[in-house]
PDB file of N, CA and C in Angstrom:
ATOM      1  N   MET A   1      54.426 112.178  43.539  1.00  0.00           N
ATOM      2  CA  MET A   1      55.822 112.099  43.174  1.00  0.00           C
ATOM      3  C   MET A   1      56.438 110.916  43.917  1.00  0.00           C
ATOM      4  N   TYR A   2      56.918 109.913  43.189  1.00  0.00           N
ATOM      5  CA  TYR A   2      57.583 108.761  43.778  1.00  0.00           C
ATOM      6  C   TYR A   2      59.086 108.959  43.735  1.00  0.00           C
ATOM      7  N   PHE A   3      59.757 108.418  44.709  1.00  0.00           N
ATOM      8  CA  PHE A   3      61.203 108.494  44.751  1.00  0.00           C
ATOM      9  C   PHE A   3      61.761 107.089  44.724  1.00  0.00           C
ATOM     10  N   LYS A   4      62.915 106.918  44.132  1.00  0.00           N
ATOM     11  CA  LYS A   4      63.519 105.601  43.934  1.00  0.00           C
ATOM     12  C   LYS A   4      64.671 105.396  44.896  1.00  0.00           C
ATOM     13  N   ARG A   5      64.845 104.139  45.263  1.00  0.00           N
ATOM     14  CA  ARG A   5      66.029 103.790  46.029  1.00  0.00           C
ATOM     15  C   ARG A   5      67.243 104.024  45.156  1.00  0.00           C
ATOM     16  N   LYS A   6      68.304 104.422  45.775  1.00  0.00           N
ATOM     17  CA  LYS A   6      69.514 104.710  45.010  1.00  0.00           C
ATOM     18  C   LYS A   6      70.076 103.473  44.322  1.00  0.00           C
ATOM     19  N   GLU A   7      69.980 102.311  44.989  1.00  0.00           N
ATOM     20  CA  GLU A   7      70.627 101.120  44.453  1.00  0.00           C
ATOM     21  C   GLU A   7      69.765 100.328  43.478  1.00  0.00           C
ATOM     22  N   ASN A   8      68.464 100.633  43.386  1.00  0.00           N
ATOM     23  CA  ASN A   8      67.623  99.948  42.406  1.00  0.00           C
ATOM     24  C   ASN A   8      66.457 100.836  42.016  1.00  0.00           C
ATOM     25  N   SER A   9      65.547 100.297  41.251  1.00  0.00           N
ATOM     26  CA  SER A   9      64.460 101.121  40.724  1.00  0.00           C
ATOM     27  C   SER A   9      63.171 100.997  41.527  1.00  0.00           C
ATOM     28  N   GLU A  10      63.190 100.307  42.639  1.00  0.00           N
ATOM     29  CA  GLU A  10      61.989 100.137  43.453  1.00  0.00           C
ATOM     30  C   GLU A  10      61.616 101.461  44.120  1.00  0.00           C
ATOM     31  N   SER A  11      60.333 101.786  44.081  1.00  0.00           N
ATOM     32  CA  SER A  11      59.866 103.001  44.743  1.00  0.00           C
ATOM     33  C   SER A  11      60.061 102.875  46.247  1.00  0.00           C
ATOM     34  N   LEU A  12      60.525 103.923  46.869  1.00  0.00           N
ATOM     35  CA  LEU A  12      60.770 103.916  48.305  1.00  0.00           C
ATOM     36  C   LEU A  12      59.619 104.579  49.056  1.00  0.00           C
ATOM     37  N   TYR A  13      59.141 105.704  48.559  1.00  0.00           N
ATOM     38  CA  TYR A  13      58.021 106.417  49.178  1.00  0.00           C
ATOM     39  C   TYR A  13      57.447 107.377  48.152  1.00  0.00           C
ATOM     40  N   SER A  14      56.350 107.991  48.530  1.00  0.00           N
ATOM     41  CA  SER A  14      55.693 108.924  47.622  1.00  0.00           C
ATOM     42  C   SER A  14      55.127 110.103  48.406  1.00  0.00           C
ATOM     43  N   LEU A  15      55.224 111.279  47.828  1.00  0.00           N
ATOM     44  CA  LEU A  15      54.611 112.471  48.414  1.00  0.00           C
ATOM     45  C   LEU A  15      53.303 112.823  47.704  1.00  0.00           C
ATOM     46  N   THR A  16      52.835 111.964  46.816  1.00  0.00           N
ATOM     47  CA  THR A  16      51.654 112.248  45.997  1.00  0.00           C
ATOM     48  C   THR A  16      50.428 112.582  46.842  1.00  0.00           C
ATOM     49  N   GLN A  17      50.139 111.786  47.858  1.00  0.00           N
ATOM     50  CA  GLN A  17      48.963 112.048  48.693  1.00  0.00           C
ATOM     51  C   GLN A  17      49.091 113.364  49.451  1.00  0.00           C
ATOM     52  N   ILE A  18      50.273 113.645  49.935  1.00  0.00           N
ATOM     53  CA  ILE A  18      50.501 114.886  50.675  1.00  0.00           C
ATOM     54  C   ILE A  18      50.356 116.080  49.737  1.00  0.00           C
ATOM     55  N   GLU A  19      50.935 115.961  48.547  1.00  0.00           N
ATOM     56  CA  GLU A  19      50.826 117.044  47.570  1.00  0.00           C
ATOM     57  C   GLU A  19      49.375 117.263  47.143  1.00  0.00           C
ATOM     58  N   ALA A  20      48.606 116.190  47.044  1.00  0.00           N
ATOM     59  CA  ALA A  20      47.190 116.318  46.684  1.00  0.00           C
ATOM     60  C   ALA A  20      46.427 117.066  47.778  1.00  0.00           C
ATOM     61  N   LEU A  21      46.742 116.772  49.026  1.00  0.00           N
ATOM     62  CA  LEU A  21      46.113 117.486  50.149  1.00  0.00           C
ATOM     63  C   LEU A  21      46.525 118.954  50.182  1.00  0.00           C
ATOM     64  N   ALA A  22      47.768 119.211  49.831  1.00  0.00           N
ATOM     65  CA  ALA A  22      48.325 120.554  49.929  1.00  0.00           C
ATOM     66  C   ALA A  22      47.946 121.459  48.767  1.00  0.00           C
ATOM     67  N   GLY A  23      47.546 120.867  47.659  1.00  0.00           N
ATOM     68  CA  GLY A  23      47.316 121.685  46.476  1.00  0.00           C
ATOM     69  C   GLY A  23      48.640 122.265  46.030  1.00  0.00           C
ATOM     70  N   SER A  24      48.710 123.561  45.941  1.00  0.00           N
ATOM     71  CA  SER A  24      49.965 124.197  45.504  1.00  0.00           C
ATOM     72  C   SER A  24      50.758 124.773  46.677  1.00  0.00           C
ATOM     73  N   ASP A  25      50.388 124.396  47.886  1.00  0.00           N
ATOM     74  CA  ASP A  25      51.036 124.913  49.088  1.00  0.00           C
ATOM     75  C   ASP A  25      52.270 124.080  49.439  1.00  0.00           C
ATOM     76  N   THR A  26      53.419 124.463  48.895  1.00  0.00           N
ATOM     77  CA  THR A  26      54.647 123.715  49.155  1.00  0.00           C
ATOM     78  C   THR A  26      55.102 123.836  50.611  1.00  0.00           C
ATOM     79  N   THR A  27      54.721 124.931  51.261  1.00  0.00           N
ATOM     80  CA  THR A  27      55.053 125.091  52.678  1.00  0.00           C
ATOM     81  C   THR A  27      54.390 123.990  53.500  1.00  0.00           C
ATOM     82  N   PHE A  28      53.136 123.683  53.168  1.00  0.00           N
ATOM     83  CA  PHE A  28      52.414 122.620  53.863  1.00  0.00           C
ATOM     84  C   PHE A  28      53.121 121.277  53.669  1.00  0.00           C
ATOM     85  N   VAL A  29      53.513 120.986  52.438  1.00  0.00           N
ATOM     86  CA  VAL A  29      54.218 119.733  52.152  1.00  0.00           C
ATOM     87  C   VAL A  29      55.494 119.669  52.986  1.00  0.00           C
ATOM     88  N   ASN A  30      56.259 120.751  52.994  1.00  0.00           N
ATOM     89  CA  ASN A  30      57.506 120.776  53.759  1.00  0.00           C
ATOM     90  C   ASN A  30      57.259 120.607  55.256  1.00  0.00           C
ATOM     91  N   GLU A  31      56.176 121.176  55.771  1.00  0.00           N
ATOM     92  CA  GLU A  31      55.845 121.020  57.191  1.00  0.00           C
ATOM     93  C   GLU A  31      55.503 119.565  57.526  1.00  0.00           C
ATOM     94  N   ILE A  32      54.755 118.916  56.653  1.00  0.00           N
ATOM     95  CA  ILE A  32      54.417 117.509  56.867  1.00  0.00           C
ATOM     96  C   ILE A  32      55.684 116.659  56.844  1.00  0.00           C
ATOM     97  N   VAL A  33      56.552 116.931  55.895  1.00  0.00           N
ATOM     98  CA  VAL A  33      57.811 116.186  55.798  1.00  0.00           C
ATOM     99  C   VAL A  33      58.659 116.413  57.048  1.00  0.00           C
ATOM    100  N   GLU A  34      58.755 117.646  57.498  1.00  0.00           N
ATOM    101  CA  GLU A  34      59.542 117.939  58.706  1.00  0.00           C
ATOM    102  C   GLU A  34      58.953 117.242  59.932  1.00  0.00           C
ATOM    103  N   THR A  35      57.635 117.236  60.032  1.00  0.00           N
ATOM    104  CA  THR A  35      56.974 116.534  61.139  1.00  0.00           C
ATOM    105  C   THR A  35      57.298 115.045  61.083  1.00  0.00           C
ATOM    106  N   PHE A  36      57.243 114.480  59.887  1.00  0.00           N
ATOM    107  CA  PHE A  36      57.599 113.071  59.709  1.00  0.00           C
ATOM    108  C   PHE A  36      59.023 112.812  60.189  1.00  0.00           C
ATOM    109  N   LYS A  37      59.947 113.670  59.779  1.00  0.00           N
ATOM    110  CA  LYS A  37      61.359 113.469  60.103  1.00  0.00           C
ATOM    111  C   LYS A  37      61.638 113.590  61.598  1.00  0.00           C
ATOM    112  N   THR A  38      60.831 114.339  62.325  1.00  0.00           N
ATOM    113  CA  THR A  38      61.062 114.475  63.767  1.00  0.00           C
ATOM    114  C   THR A  38      60.206 113.517  64.600  1.00  0.00           C
ATOM    115  N   ALA A  39      58.964 113.305  64.205  1.00  0.00           N
ATOM    116  CA  ALA A  39      58.054 112.477  65.011  1.00  0.00           C
ATOM    117  C   ALA A  39      58.292 110.978  64.824  1.00  0.00           C
ATOM    118  N   THR A  40      58.570 110.565  63.602  1.00  0.00           N
ATOM    119  CA  THR A  40      58.701 109.134  63.319  1.00  0.00           C
ATOM    120  C   THR A  40      59.833 108.481  64.113  1.00  0.00           C
ATOM    121  N   PRO A  41      61.014 109.088  64.203  1.00  0.00           N
ATOM    122  CA  PRO A  41      62.052 108.478  65.042  1.00  0.00           C
ATOM    123  C   PRO A  41      61.622 108.329  66.509  1.00  0.00           C
ATOM    124  N   ASN A  42      60.792 109.238  66.999  1.00  0.00           N
ATOM    125  CA  ASN A  42      60.294 109.111  68.378  1.00  0.00           C
ATOM    126  C   ASN A  42      59.431 107.870  68.536  1.00  0.00           C
ATOM    127  N   TYR A  43      58.551 107.618  67.559  1.00  0.00           N
ATOM    128  CA  TYR A  43      57.720 106.407  67.613  1.00  0.00           C
ATOM    129  C   TYR A  43      58.580 105.154  67.511  1.00  0.00           C
ATOM    130  N   LEU A  44      59.589 105.199  66.652  1.00  0.00           N
ATOM    131  CA  LEU A  44      60.493 104.057  66.548  1.00  0.00           C
ATOM    132  C   LEU A  44      61.218 103.805  67.862  1.00  0.00           C
ATOM    133  N   ASN A  45      61.630 104.873  68.516  1.00  0.00           N
ATOM    134  CA  ASN A  45      62.289 104.723  69.812  1.00  0.00           C
ATOM    135  C   ASN A  45      61.342 104.132  70.851  1.00  0.00           C
ATOM    136  N   GLN A  46      60.086 104.551  70.828  1.00  0.00           N
ATOM    137  CA  GLN A  46      59.091 103.987  71.742  1.00  0.00           C
ATOM    138  C   GLN A  46      58.958 102.479  71.527  1.00  0.00           C
ATOM    139  N   ILE A  47      58.935 102.061  70.263  1.00  0.00           N
ATOM    140  CA  ILE A  47      58.832 100.632  69.973  1.00  0.00           C
ATOM    141  C   ILE A  47      60.083  99.912  70.455  1.00  0.00           C
ATOM    142  N   LYS A  48      61.242 100.489  70.196  1.00  0.00           N
ATOM    143  CA  LYS A  48      62.501  99.869  70.600  1.00  0.00           C
ATOM    144  C   LYS A  48      62.560  99.663  72.116  1.00  0.00           C
ATOM    145  N   VAL A  49      62.215 100.691  72.855  1.00  0.00           N
ATOM    146  CA  VAL A  49      62.216 100.609  74.318  1.00  0.00           C
ATOM    147  C   VAL A  49      61.202  99.560  74.788  1.00  0.00           C
ATOM    148  N   ALA A  50      60.041  99.544  74.146  1.00  0.00           N
ATOM    149  CA  ALA A  50      59.002  98.582  74.517  1.00  0.00           C
ATOM    150  C   ALA A  50      59.429  97.151  74.199  1.00  0.00           C
ATOM    151  N   ILE A  51      60.143  96.959  73.109  1.00  0.00           N
ATOM    152  CA  ILE A  51      60.661  95.621  72.776  1.00  0.00           C
ATOM    153  C   ILE A  51      61.630  95.162  73.855  1.00  0.00           C
ATOM    154  N   LEU A  52      62.507  96.049  74.280  1.00  0.00           N
ATOM    155  CA  LEU A  52      63.495  95.690  75.303  1.00  0.00           C
ATOM    156  C   LEU A  52      62.854  95.303  76.633  1.00  0.00           C
ATOM    157  N   SER A  53      61.675  95.870  76.903  1.00  0.00           N
ATOM    158  CA  SER A  53      60.996  95.562  78.170  1.00  0.00           C
ATOM    159  C   SER A  53      59.804  94.623  77.984  1.00  0.00           C
ATOM    160  N   ASN A  54      59.660  94.073  76.772  1.00  0.00           N
ATOM    161  CA  ASN A  54      58.528  93.179  76.471  1.00  0.00           C
ATOM    162  C   ASN A  54      57.182  93.810  76.807  1.00  0.00           C
ATOM    163  N   ASP A  55      57.059  95.101  76.558  1.00  0.00           N
ATOM    164  CA  ASP A  55      55.803  95.833  76.786  1.00  0.00           C
ATOM    165  C   ASP A  55      55.011  95.832  75.478  1.00  0.00           C
ATOM    166  N   PHE A  56      54.250  94.773  75.284  1.00  0.00           N
ATOM    167  CA  PHE A  56      53.566  94.569  74.011  1.00  0.00           C
ATOM    168  C   PHE A  56      52.431  95.564  73.790  1.00  0.00           C
ATOM    169  N   LYS A  57      51.830  96.054  74.862  1.00  0.00           N
ATOM    170  CA  LYS A  57      50.804  97.091  74.712  1.00  0.00           C
ATOM    171  C   LYS A  57      51.425  98.382  74.169  1.00  0.00           C
ATOM    172  N   ALA A  58      52.596  98.729  74.657  1.00  0.00           N
ATOM    173  CA  ALA A  58      53.285  99.931  74.172  1.00  0.00           C
ATOM    174  C   ALA A  58      53.743  99.749  72.725  1.00  0.00           C
ATOM    175  N   ILE A  59      54.165  98.545  72.377  1.00  0.00           N
ATOM    176  CA  ILE A  59      54.543  98.254  70.994  1.00  0.00           C
ATOM    177  C   ILE A  59      53.332  98.460  70.100  1.00  0.00           C
ATOM    178  N   HIS A  60      52.211  97.883  70.505  1.00  0.00           N
ATOM    179  CA  HIS A  60      50.974  98.003  69.735  1.00  0.00           C
ATOM    180  C   HIS A  60      50.574  99.463  69.573  1.00  0.00           C
ATOM    181  N   ARG A  61      50.613 100.212  70.646  1.00  0.00           N
ATOM    182  CA  ARG A  61      50.201 101.621  70.636  1.00  0.00           C
ATOM    183  C   ARG A  61      51.073 102.455  69.680  1.00  0.00           C
ATOM    184  N   ALA A  62      52.381 102.302  69.769  1.00  0.00           N
ATOM    185  CA  ALA A  62      53.286 103.077  68.914  1.00  0.00           C
ATOM    186  C   ALA A  62      53.154 102.653  67.454  1.00  0.00           C
ATOM    187  N   ALA A  63      53.022 101.362  67.206  1.00  0.00           N
ATOM    188  CA  ALA A  63      52.841 100.885  65.826  1.00  0.00           C
ATOM    189  C   ALA A  63      51.534 101.420  65.260  1.00  0.00           C
ATOM    190  N   HIS A  64      50.499 101.417  66.066  1.00  0.00           N
ATOM    191  CA  HIS A  64      49.204 101.939  65.624  1.00  0.00           C
ATOM    192  C   HIS A  64      49.317 103.416  65.244  1.00  0.00           C
ATOM    193  N   GLN A  65      50.082 104.168  65.997  1.00  0.00           N
ATOM    194  CA  GLN A  65      50.255 105.593  65.716  1.00  0.00           C
ATOM    195  C   GLN A  65      51.079 105.825  64.450  1.00  0.00           C
ATOM    196  N   LEU A  66      51.922 104.890  64.088  1.00  0.00           N
ATOM    197  CA  LEU A  66      52.742 105.018  62.884  1.00  0.00           C
ATOM    198  C   LEU A  66      51.979 104.688  61.599  1.00  0.00           C
ATOM    199  N   LYS A  67      50.938 103.886  61.700  1.00  0.00           N
ATOM    200  CA  LYS A  67      50.234 103.415  60.500  1.00  0.00           C
ATOM    201  C   LYS A  67      49.814 104.521  59.539  1.00  0.00           C
ATOM    202  N   PRO A  68      49.140 105.577  60.000  1.00  0.00           N
ATOM    203  CA  PRO A  68      48.713 106.603  59.043  1.00  0.00           C
ATOM    204  C   PRO A  68      49.884 107.272  58.317  1.00  0.00           C
ATOM    205  N   THR A  69      50.992 107.424  59.011  1.00  0.00           N
ATOM    206  CA  THR A  69      52.167 108.036  58.402  1.00  0.00           C
ATOM    207  C   THR A  69      52.735 107.145  57.304  1.00  0.00           C
ATOM    208  N   MET A  70      52.798 105.848  57.570  1.00  0.00           N
ATOM    209  CA  MET A  70      53.307 104.923  56.560  1.00  0.00           C
ATOM    210  C   MET A  70      52.399 104.940  55.334  1.00  0.00           C
ATOM    211  N   ASP A  71      51.101 105.102  55.569  1.00  0.00           N
ATOM    212  CA  ASP A  71      50.130 105.129  54.471  1.00  0.00           C
ATOM    213  C   ASP A  71      50.247 106.409  53.650  1.00  0.00           C
ATOM    214  N   ILE A  72      50.271 107.548  54.298  1.00  0.00           N
ATOM    215  CA  ILE A  72      50.259 108.809  53.557  1.00  0.00           C
ATOM    216  C   ILE A  72      51.557 109.030  52.779  1.00  0.00           C
ATOM    217  N   PHE A  73      52.664 108.484  53.291  1.00  0.00           N
ATOM    218  CA  PHE A  73      53.928 108.563  52.563  1.00  0.00           C
ATOM    219  C   PHE A  73      54.106 107.370  51.617  1.00  0.00           C
ATOM    220  N   ALA A  74      53.151 106.451  51.636  1.00  0.00           N
ATOM    221  CA  ALA A  74      53.179 105.261  50.770  1.00  0.00           C
ATOM    222  C   ALA A  74      54.544 104.571  50.821  1.00  0.00           C
ATOM    223  N   ILE A  75      55.025 104.338  52.021  1.00  0.00           N
ATOM    224  CA  ILE A  75      56.358 103.765  52.203  1.00  0.00           C
ATOM    225  C   ILE A  75      56.301 102.259  51.960  1.00  0.00           C
ATOM    226  N   VAL A  76      56.932 101.846  50.880  1.00  0.00           N
ATOM    227  CA  VAL A  76      56.914 100.453  50.474  1.00  0.00           C
ATOM    228  C   VAL A  76      57.556  99.582  51.550  1.00  0.00           C
ATOM    229  N   GLY A  77      56.871  98.527  51.902  1.00  0.00           N
ATOM    230  CA  GLY A  77      57.367  97.600  52.910  1.00  0.00           C
ATOM    231  C   GLY A  77      57.006  98.019  54.319  1.00  0.00           C
ATOM    232  N   ALA A  78      57.119  99.289  54.626  1.00  0.00           N
ATOM    233  CA  ALA A  78      56.855  99.775  55.979  1.00  0.00           C
ATOM    234  C   ALA A  78      55.369  99.691  56.315  1.00  0.00           C
ATOM    235  N   LYS A  79      54.530  99.924  55.326  1.00  0.00           N
ATOM    236  CA  LYS A  79      53.082  99.857  55.554  1.00  0.00           C
ATOM    237  C   LYS A  79      52.699  98.476  56.076  1.00  0.00           C
ATOM    238  N   GLU A  80      53.263  97.447  55.471  1.00  0.00           N
ATOM    239  CA  GLU A  80      52.946  96.080  55.856  1.00  0.00           C
ATOM    240  C   GLU A  80      53.603  95.714  57.190  1.00  0.00           C
ATOM    241  N   LEU A  81      54.850  96.132  57.359  1.00  0.00           N
ATOM    242  CA  LEU A  81      55.579  95.788  58.591  1.00  0.00           C
ATOM    243  C   LEU A  81      54.939  96.386  59.822  1.00  0.00           C
ATOM    244  N   VAL A  82      54.527  97.645  59.748  1.00  0.00           N
ATOM    245  CA  VAL A  82      53.948  98.286  60.929  1.00  0.00           C
ATOM    246  C   VAL A  82      52.633  97.604  61.312  1.00  0.00           C
ATOM    247  N   ARG A  83      51.870  97.169  60.321  1.00  0.00           N
ATOM    248  CA  ARG A  83      50.629  96.443  60.595  1.00  0.00           C
ATOM    249  C   ARG A  83      50.915  95.076  61.220  1.00  0.00           C
ATOM    250  N   GLU A  84      51.958  94.436  60.728  1.00  0.00           N
ATOM    251  CA  GLU A  84      52.355  93.133  61.257  1.00  0.00           C
ATOM    252  C   GLU A  84      52.813  93.262  62.715  1.00  0.00           C
ATOM    253  N   ILE A  85      53.602  94.281  62.991  1.00  0.00           N
ATOM    254  CA  ILE A  85      54.061  94.516  64.363  1.00  0.00           C
ATOM    255  C   ILE A  85      52.866  94.788  65.275  1.00  0.00           C
ATOM    256  N   GLU A  86      51.965  95.633  64.829  1.00  0.00           N
ATOM    257  CA  GLU A  86      50.782  95.958  65.620  1.00  0.00           C
ATOM    258  C   GLU A  86      49.968  94.700  65.916  1.00  0.00           C
ATOM    259  N   LYS A  87      49.725  93.899  64.885  1.00  0.00           N
ATOM    260  CA  LYS A  87      48.932  92.676  65.035  1.00  0.00           C
ATOM    261  C   LYS A  87      49.640  91.681  65.961  1.00  0.00           C
ATOM    262  N   ASP A  88      50.929  91.464  65.723  1.00  0.00           N
ATOM    263  CA  ASP A  88      51.672  90.486  66.519  1.00  0.00           C
ATOM    264  C   ASP A  88      51.768  90.881  67.984  1.00  0.00           C
ATOM    265  N   ALA A  89      51.852  92.167  68.263  1.00  0.00           N
ATOM    266  CA  ALA A  89      51.966  92.629  69.652  1.00  0.00           C
ATOM    267  C   ALA A  89      50.700  92.355  70.447  1.00  0.00           C
ATOM    268  N   MET A  90      49.575  92.162  69.775  1.00  0.00           N
ATOM    269  CA  MET A  90      48.311  91.925  70.476  1.00  0.00           C
ATOM    270  C   MET A  90      47.929  90.452  70.543  1.00  0.00           C
ATOM    271  N   GLN A  91      48.787  89.586  70.084  1.00  0.00           N
ATOM    272  CA  GLN A  91      48.518  88.147  70.159  1.00  0.00           C
ATOM    273  C   GLN A  91      48.584  87.690  71.610  1.00  0.00           C
ATOM    274  N   PRO A  92      47.873  86.617  71.947  1.00  0.00           N
ATOM    275  CA  PRO A  92      47.918  86.117  73.334  1.00  0.00           C
ATOM    276  C   PRO A  92      49.333  85.799  73.816  1.00  0.00           C
ATOM    277  N   ASN A  93      50.146  85.236  72.947  1.00  0.00           N
ATOM    278  CA  ASN A  93      51.549  84.948  73.279  1.00  0.00           C
ATOM    279  C   ASN A  93      52.424  85.565  72.188  1.00  0.00           C
ATOM    280  N   PRO A  94      52.705  86.856  72.300  1.00  0.00           N
ATOM    281  CA  PRO A  94      53.452  87.536  71.235  1.00  0.00           C
ATOM    282  C   PRO A  94      54.830  86.924  71.017  1.00  0.00           C
ATOM    283  N   ASN A  95      55.211  86.837  69.755  1.00  0.00           N
ATOM    284  CA  ASN A  95      56.530  86.334  69.386  1.00  0.00           C
ATOM    285  C   ASN A  95      57.495  87.518  69.375  1.00  0.00           C
ATOM    286  N   ALA A  96      58.161  87.725  70.486  1.00  0.00           N
ATOM    287  CA  ALA A  96      59.050  88.883  70.641  1.00  0.00           C
ATOM    288  C   ALA A  96      60.159  88.903  69.591  1.00  0.00           C
ATOM    289  N   SER A  97      60.660  87.736  69.230  1.00  0.00           N
ATOM    290  CA  SER A  97      61.727  87.656  68.244  1.00  0.00           C
ATOM    291  C   SER A  97      61.246  88.129  66.872  1.00  0.00           C
ATOM    292  N   LYS A  98      60.055  87.715  66.481  1.00  0.00           N
ATOM    293  CA  LYS A  98      59.497  88.136  65.193  1.00  0.00           C
ATOM    294  C   LYS A  98      59.218  89.637  65.197  1.00  0.00           C
ATOM    295  N   ILE A  99      58.665  90.124  66.288  1.00  0.00           N
ATOM    296  CA  ILE A  99      58.391  91.558  66.397  1.00  0.00           C
ATOM    297  C   ILE A  99      59.691  92.343  66.268  1.00  0.00           C
ATOM    298  N   GLU A 100      60.726  91.894  66.944  1.00  0.00           N
ATOM    299  CA  GLU A 100      62.014  92.586  66.874  1.00  0.00           C
ATOM    300  C   GLU A 100      62.587  92.538  65.448  1.00  0.00           C
ATOM    301  N   GLN A 101      62.482  91.393  64.804  1.00  0.00           N
ATOM    302  CA  GLN A 101      62.972  91.267  63.430  1.00  0.00           C
ATOM    303  C   GLN A 101      62.205  92.207  62.499  1.00  0.00           C
ATOM    304  N   ASP A 102      60.876  92.239  62.617  1.00  0.00           N
ATOM    305  CA  ASP A 102      60.065  93.147  61.798  1.00  0.00           C
ATOM    306  C   ASP A 102      60.398  94.604  62.106  1.00  0.00           C
ATOM    307  N   PHE A 103      60.597  94.899  63.379  1.00  0.00           N
ATOM    308  CA  PHE A 103      60.961  96.262  63.772  1.00  0.00           C
ATOM    309  C   PHE A 103      62.287  96.681  63.139  1.00  0.00           C
ATOM    310  N   ASN A 104      63.265  95.788  63.158  1.00  0.00           N
ATOM    311  CA  ASN A 104      64.574  96.117  62.571  1.00  0.00           C
ATOM    312  C   ASN A 104      64.440  96.443  61.085  1.00  0.00           C
ATOM    313  N   GLN A 105      63.609  95.694  60.374  1.00  0.00           N
ATOM    314  CA  GLN A 105      63.365  95.984  58.953  1.00  0.00           C
ATOM    315  C   GLN A 105      62.654  97.324  58.800  1.00  0.00           C
ATOM    316  N   LEU A 106      61.640  97.563  59.631  1.00  0.00           N
ATOM    317  CA  LEU A 106      60.901  98.821  59.601  1.00  0.00           C
ATOM    318  C   LEU A 106      61.841  99.994  59.856  1.00  0.00           C
ATOM    319  N   HIS A 107      62.674  99.857  60.852  1.00  0.00           N
ATOM    320  CA  HIS A 107      63.636 100.903  61.207  1.00  0.00           C
ATOM    321  C   HIS A 107      64.570 101.202  60.034  1.00  0.00           C
ATOM    322  N   GLU A 108      65.032 100.166  59.379  1.00  0.00           N
ATOM    323  CA  GLU A 108      65.940 100.334  58.243  1.00  0.00           C
ATOM    324  C   GLU A 108      65.246 101.088  57.097  1.00  0.00           C
ATOM    325  N   ILE A 109      64.026 100.717  56.799  1.00  0.00           N
ATOM    326  CA  ILE A 109      63.279 101.373  55.719  1.00  0.00           C
ATOM    327  C   ILE A 109      63.050 102.841  56.051  1.00  0.00           C
ATOM    328  N   ILE A 110      62.586 103.111  57.255  1.00  0.00           N
ATOM    329  CA  ILE A 110      62.288 104.487  57.643  1.00  0.00           C
ATOM    330  C   ILE A 110      63.567 105.331  57.662  1.00  0.00           C
ATOM    331  N   THR A 111      64.662 104.744  58.096  1.00  0.00           N
ATOM    332  CA  THR A 111      65.939 105.462  58.080  1.00  0.00           C
ATOM    333  C   THR A 111      66.310 105.864  56.651  1.00  0.00           C
ATOM    334  N   MET A 112      66.109 104.957  55.706  1.00  0.00           N
ATOM    335  CA  MET A 112      66.400 105.287  54.299  1.00  0.00           C
ATOM    336  C   MET A 112      65.495 106.409  53.794  1.00  0.00           C
ATOM    337  N   VAL A 113      64.230 106.372  54.184  1.00  0.00           N
ATOM    338  CA  VAL A 113      63.290 107.412  53.754  1.00  0.00           C
ATOM    339  C   VAL A 113      63.722 108.769  54.320  1.00  0.00           C
ATOM    340  N   ILE A 114      64.037 108.794  55.604  1.00  0.00           N
ATOM    341  CA  ILE A 114      64.453 110.054  56.231  1.00  0.00           C
ATOM    342  C   ILE A 114      65.734 110.582  55.588  1.00  0.00           C
ATOM    343  N   GLU A 115      66.689 109.707  55.337  1.00  0.00           N
ATOM    344  CA  GLU A 115      67.928 110.133  54.680  1.00  0.00           C
ATOM    345  C   GLU A 115      67.622 110.705  53.299  1.00  0.00           C
ATOM    346  N   ASP A 116      66.721 110.068  52.556  1.00  0.00           N
ATOM    347  CA  ASP A 116      66.376 110.548  51.227  1.00  0.00           C
ATOM    348  C   ASP A 116      65.651 111.892  51.314  1.00  0.00           C
ATOM    349  N   LEU A 117      64.765 112.034  52.272  1.00  0.00           N
ATOM    350  CA  LEU A 117      64.052 113.307  52.442  1.00  0.00           C
ATOM    351  C   LEU A 117      65.019 114.431  52.799  1.00  0.00           C
ATOM    352  N   GLU A 118      66.046 114.131  53.572  1.00  0.00           N
ATOM    353  CA  GLU A 118      67.047 115.136  53.922  1.00  0.00           C
ATOM    354  C   GLU A 118      67.759 115.645  52.679  1.00  0.00           C
ATOM    355  N   ILE A 119      68.019 114.747  51.751  1.00  0.00           N
ATOM    356  CA  ILE A 119      68.718 115.109  50.513  1.00  0.00           C
ATOM    357  C   ILE A 119      67.803 115.879  49.575  1.00  0.00           C
ATOM    358  N   ARG A 120      66.575 115.419  49.427  1.00  0.00           N
ATOM    359  CA  ARG A 120      65.658 115.957  48.412  1.00  0.00           C
ATOM    360  C   ARG A 120      64.974 117.247  48.818  1.00  0.00           C
ATOM    361  N   LEU A 121      64.762 117.463  50.094  1.00  0.00           N
ATOM    362  CA  LEU A 121      64.011 118.651  50.515  1.00  0.00           C
ATOM    363  C   LEU A 121      64.832 119.581  51.380  1.00  0.00           C
TER     364      LEU A 121
END
């Protein structure tokens, strides 16, 4: 099941993979969604704090932990951004400005997904 952004027709995220794993167990789907809504902001906060302190290892670690979630929810744009942040944080001379810019976009996308999930479920 794909969901659309309110302002255009671009897909924002999908629960298709989660529903396939769950079969007909809607409780399982709801539990995964609730976990996403509570855990994902924590990872974003970890990245934000790490950006402020230029802790690129912590940025890499938190971005790495977010990757599977971005994949299973098929979050458009976020899948690529989290990989970019992870990769950039491990460069010999990380570009903190680029990481912060990518993070801000990632944060915006995830915020929209969470807001939409609050409405739909």
